[in-house]
Amino acid sequence: MTQPIIDDSNFPIVNFVMPEQIKDTETEQHIAAWQAILDKQQPYVLIFSGVELPKNSAAFFREYKKWNKRTRSQQEKYCCGAVRVETDEAKRKSLWRKAFRYLTSSAIPYPYRVVATQQEAQSQATSWLKQNE
């Protein structure tokens, strides 16, 4: 059995591990997995880890950008926040600086944090979900 692209078994907390590469032939399945989360039309929080950006994944980036633009209002409505787990302190600081630029440029329509542990991510996710009640 293959792993799901997005693990929503603990919905409204969803987990995603960014793969090293998203092949052209896998692009449609990845976009469909993201769309399935939005199609629930319920508040959720994303906890993710893995590589910062998949390599050699141009088709995915093109389609994700289109999907992101098309679903921005849904993301704003249903996504209570996204938490990136990065155990390496230097990488975490680098990711936070990039995230700050995204947040101040309105590139993402929901709160975003970078934390060191899965426990911190769970705590933040729970907090955002409670704020959304």
C-alpha atoms as a PDB file:
ATOM      1  CA  MET A   1       0.000   0.000   0.000  1.00  0.00           C
ATOM      2  CA  THR A   2       1.366   3.443  -0.877  1.00  0.00           C
ATOM      3  CA  GLN A   3       1.494   6.341   1.545  1.00  0.00           C
ATOM      4  CA  PRO A   4      -1.107   9.064   0.982  1.00  0.00           C
ATOM      5  CA  ILE A   5       0.236  12.313  -0.415  1.00  0.00           C
ATOM      6  CA  ILE A   6      -1.384  14.184   2.461  1.00  0.00           C
ATOM      7  CA  ASP A   7      -2.177  12.389   5.700  1.00  0.00           C
ATOM      8  CA  ASP A   8      -5.581  13.592   6.880  1.00  0.00           C
ATOM      9  CA  SER A   9      -6.194  10.673   9.259  1.00  0.00           C
ATOM     10  CA  ASN A  10      -6.121  13.158  12.177  1.00  0.00           C
ATOM     11  CA  PHE A  11      -8.256  15.795  10.475  1.00  0.00           C
ATOM     12  CA  PRO A  12      -8.564  18.735  11.151  1.00  0.00           C
ATOM     13  CA  ILE A  13      -4.805  18.409  11.543  1.00  0.00           C
ATOM     14  CA  VAL A  14      -3.272  17.339   8.245  1.00  0.00           C
ATOM     15  CA  ASN A  15       0.327  16.277   7.730  1.00  0.00           C
ATOM     16  CA  PHE A  16       2.436  16.577   4.620  1.00  0.00           C
ATOM     17  CA  VAL A  17       6.029  15.576   3.991  1.00  0.00           C
ATOM     18  CA  MET A  18       7.451  17.491   1.033  1.00  0.00           C
ATOM     19  CA  PRO A  19       9.094  14.938  -1.253  1.00  0.00           C
ATOM     20  CA  GLU A  20      12.526  15.380  -2.825  1.00  0.00           C
ATOM     21  CA  GLN A  21      10.874  15.529  -6.251  1.00  0.00           C
ATOM     22  CA  ILE A  22       7.360  15.582  -7.671  1.00  0.00           C
ATOM     23  CA  LYS A  23       7.517  13.951 -11.085  1.00  0.00           C
ATOM     24  CA  ASP A  24       5.449  15.375 -13.934  1.00  0.00           C
ATOM     25  CA  THR A  25       3.336  12.209 -13.871  1.00  0.00           C
ATOM     26  CA  GLU A  26       2.567  12.781 -10.155  1.00  0.00           C
ATOM     27  CA  THR A  27       1.573  16.437 -10.429  1.00  0.00           C
ATOM     28  CA  GLU A  28      -2.139  15.833 -10.952  1.00  0.00           C
ATOM     29  CA  GLN A  29      -2.360  13.506  -7.933  1.00  0.00           C
ATOM     30  CA  HIS A  30      -0.636  16.073  -5.697  1.00  0.00           C
ATOM     31  CA  ILE A  31      -2.958  18.883  -6.764  1.00  0.00           C
ATOM     32  CA  ALA A  32      -5.960  16.566  -6.286  1.00  0.00           C
ATOM     33  CA  ALA A  33      -4.778  15.715  -2.764  1.00  0.00           C
ATOM     34  CA  TRP A  34      -4.593  19.392  -1.835  1.00  0.00           C
ATOM     35  CA  GLN A  35      -7.999  20.009  -3.418  1.00  0.00           C
ATOM     36  CA  ALA A  36      -9.520  17.124  -1.451  1.00  0.00           C
ATOM     37  CA  ILE A  37      -8.560  18.878   1.793  1.00  0.00           C
ATOM     38  CA  LEU A  38     -10.269  22.083   0.674  1.00  0.00           C
ATOM     39  CA  ASP A  39     -13.291  20.141  -0.562  1.00  0.00           C
ATOM     40  CA  LYS A  40     -14.012  19.090   3.028  1.00  0.00           C
ATOM     41  CA  GLN A  41     -15.016  22.742   3.544  1.00  0.00           C
ATOM     42  CA  GLN A  42     -13.938  22.578   7.183  1.00  0.00           C
ATOM     43  CA  PRO A  43     -11.242  24.378   9.158  1.00  0.00           C
ATOM     44  CA  TYR A  44      -7.874  22.618   9.262  1.00  0.00           C
ATOM     45  CA  VAL A  45      -4.210  23.177  10.088  1.00  0.00           C
ATOM     46  CA  LEU A  46      -1.321  21.914   7.997  1.00  0.00           C
ATOM     47  CA  ILE A  47       1.790  20.494   9.653  1.00  0.00           C
ATOM     48  CA  PHE A  48       4.560  19.833   7.179  1.00  0.00           C
ATOM     49  CA  SER A  49       8.178  18.818   6.965  1.00  0.00           C
ATOM     50  CA  GLY A  50      10.602  17.429   4.402  1.00  0.00           C
ATOM     51  CA  VAL A  51      12.610  19.345   1.845  1.00  0.00           C
ATOM     52  CA  GLU A  52      12.029  23.062   1.447  1.00  0.00           C
ATOM     53  CA  LEU A  53      11.258  22.747  -2.267  1.00  0.00           C
ATOM     54  CA  PRO A  54      11.214  19.623  -4.421  1.00  0.00           C
ATOM     55  CA  LYS A  55      13.868  19.536  -7.139  1.00  0.00           C
ATOM     56  CA  ASN A  56      13.135  18.995 -10.841  1.00  0.00           C
ATOM     57  CA  SER A  57       9.426  19.624 -10.271  1.00  0.00           C
ATOM     58  CA  ALA A  58       8.639  22.410 -12.748  1.00  0.00           C
ATOM     59  CA  ALA A  59       5.297  20.938 -13.842  1.00  0.00           C
ATOM     60  CA  PHE A  60       4.158  20.692 -10.237  1.00  0.00           C
ATOM     61  CA  PHE A  61       5.161  24.291  -9.499  1.00  0.00           C
ATOM     62  CA  ARG A  62       3.269  25.549 -12.571  1.00  0.00           C
ATOM     63  CA  GLU A  63       0.108  23.678 -11.647  1.00  0.00           C
ATOM     64  CA  TYR A  64       0.377  24.459  -7.937  1.00  0.00           C
ATOM     65  CA  LYS A  65       0.695  28.162  -8.697  1.00  0.00           C
ATOM     66  CA  LYS A  66      -2.484  28.033 -10.815  1.00  0.00           C
ATOM     67  CA  TRP A  67      -4.293  25.995  -8.160  1.00  0.00           C
ATOM     68  CA  ASN A  68      -3.113  28.341  -5.413  1.00  0.00           C
ATOM     69  CA  LYS A  69      -4.444  31.365  -7.267  1.00  0.00           C
ATOM     70  CA  ARG A  70      -7.738  29.637  -8.081  1.00  0.00           C
ATOM     71  CA  THR A  71      -8.342  28.491  -4.471  1.00  0.00           C
ATOM     72  CA  ARG A  72      -6.918  31.394  -2.500  1.00  0.00           C
ATOM     73  CA  SER A  73     -10.257  32.426  -0.999  1.00  0.00           C
ATOM     74  CA  GLN A  74     -10.987  28.829   0.060  1.00  0.00           C
ATOM     75  CA  GLN A  75      -7.543  28.533   1.645  1.00  0.00           C
ATOM     76  CA  GLU A  76      -8.110  31.780   3.498  1.00  0.00           C
ATOM     77  CA  LYS A  77     -11.484  30.533   4.716  1.00  0.00           C
ATOM     78  CA  TYR A  78     -10.535  26.994   5.780  1.00  0.00           C
ATOM     79  CA  CYS A  79      -6.805  26.891   6.534  1.00  0.00           C
ATOM     80  CA  CYS A  80      -6.272  28.127  10.095  1.00  0.00           C
ATOM     81  CA  GLY A  81      -2.495  28.016   9.625  1.00  0.00           C
ATOM     82  CA  ALA A  82       0.540  26.054   8.503  1.00  0.00           C
ATOM     83  CA  VAL A  83       3.382  24.886  10.717  1.00  0.00           C
ATOM     84  CA  ARG A  84       6.715  23.812   9.299  1.00  0.00           C
ATOM     85  CA  VAL A  85       8.736  21.399  11.458  1.00  0.00           C
ATOM     86  CA  GLU A  86      12.485  21.826  11.050  1.00  0.00           C
ATOM     87  CA  THR A  87      14.774  20.303  13.669  1.00  0.00           C
ATOM     88  CA  ASP A  88      17.962  21.960  12.370  1.00  0.00           C
ATOM     89  CA  GLU A  89      18.292  25.385  14.023  1.00  0.00           C
ATOM     90  CA  ALA A  90      20.177  27.058  11.155  1.00  0.00           C
ATOM     91  CA  LYS A  91      17.652  25.803   8.580  1.00  0.00           C
ATOM     92  CA  ARG A  92      14.803  26.823  10.875  1.00  0.00           C
ATOM     93  CA  LYS A  93      16.119  30.397  11.090  1.00  0.00           C
ATOM     94  CA  SER A  94      16.549  30.532   7.320  1.00  0.00           C
ATOM     95  CA  LEU A  95      13.029  29.203   6.760  1.00  0.00           C
ATOM     96  CA  TRP A  96      11.588  31.670   9.234  1.00  0.00           C
ATOM     97  CA  ARG A  97      13.215  34.602   7.408  1.00  0.00           C
ATOM     98  CA  LYS A  98      11.710  33.373   4.134  1.00  0.00           C
ATOM     99  CA  ALA A  99       8.352  32.820   5.795  1.00  0.00           C
ATOM    100  CA  PHE A 100       8.412  36.342   7.184  1.00  0.00           C
ATOM    101  CA  ARG A 101       8.881  37.696   3.657  1.00  0.00           C
ATOM    102  CA  TYR A 102       5.924  35.607   2.448  1.00  0.00           C
ATOM    103  CA  LEU A 103       3.722  36.743   5.309  1.00  0.00           C
ATOM    104  CA  THR A 104       4.523  40.404   4.844  1.00  0.00           C
ATOM    105  CA  SER A 105       3.968  40.166   1.093  1.00  0.00           C
ATOM    106  CA  SER A 106       0.546  38.484   1.506  1.00  0.00           C
ATOM    107  CA  ALA A 107       1.756  35.531  -0.570  1.00  0.00           C
ATOM    108  CA  ILE A 108       0.025  33.066   1.748  1.00  0.00           C
ATOM    109  CA  PRO A 109      -3.485  33.709   3.072  1.00  0.00           C
ATOM    110  CA  TYR A 110      -3.060  32.098   6.505  1.00  0.00           C
ATOM    111  CA  PRO A 111      -0.714  32.199   9.524  1.00  0.00           C
ATOM    112  CA  TYR A 112       2.605  30.378   9.196  1.00  0.00           C
ATOM    113  CA  ARG A 113       5.182  29.312  11.772  1.00  0.00           C
ATOM    114  CA  VAL A 114       8.429  27.374  11.763  1.00  0.00           C
ATOM    115  CA  VAL A 115       9.045  25.230  14.850  1.00  0.00           C
ATOM    116  CA  ALA A 116      11.647  22.731  16.026  1.00  0.00           C
ATOM    117  CA  THR A 117       9.497  19.768  17.060  1.00  0.00           C
ATOM    118  CA  GLN A 118       6.368  17.879  16.161  1.00  0.00           C
ATOM    119  CA  GLN A 119       5.095  18.594  19.686  1.00  0.00           C
ATOM    120  CA  GLU A 120       5.416  22.357  19.119  1.00  0.00           C
ATOM    121  CA  ALA A 121       3.629  21.960  15.790  1.00  0.00           C
ATOM    122  CA  GLN A 122       0.755  20.037  17.418  1.00  0.00           C
ATOM    123  CA  SER A 123       0.459  22.688  20.122  1.00  0.00           C
ATOM    124  CA  GLN A 124       0.346  25.503  17.571  1.00  0.00           C
ATOM    125  CA  ALA A 125      -2.177  23.615  15.437  1.00  0.00           C
ATOM    126  CA  THR A 126      -4.459  23.081  18.425  1.00  0.00           C
ATOM    127  CA  SER A 127      -4.201  26.747  19.358  1.00  0.00           C
ATOM    128  CA  TRP A 128      -5.149  27.930  15.863  1.00  0.00           C
ATOM    129  CA  LEU A 129      -8.069  25.500  15.698  1.00  0.00           C
ATOM    130  CA  LYS A 130      -9.388  26.713  19.068  1.00  0.00           C
ATOM    131  CA  GLN A 131      -9.133  30.329  17.891  1.00  0.00           C
ATOM    132  CA  ASN A 132     -11.241  29.382  14.889  1.00  0.00           C
ATOM    133  CA  GLU A 133     -14.100  27.837  16.921  1.00  0.00           C
END
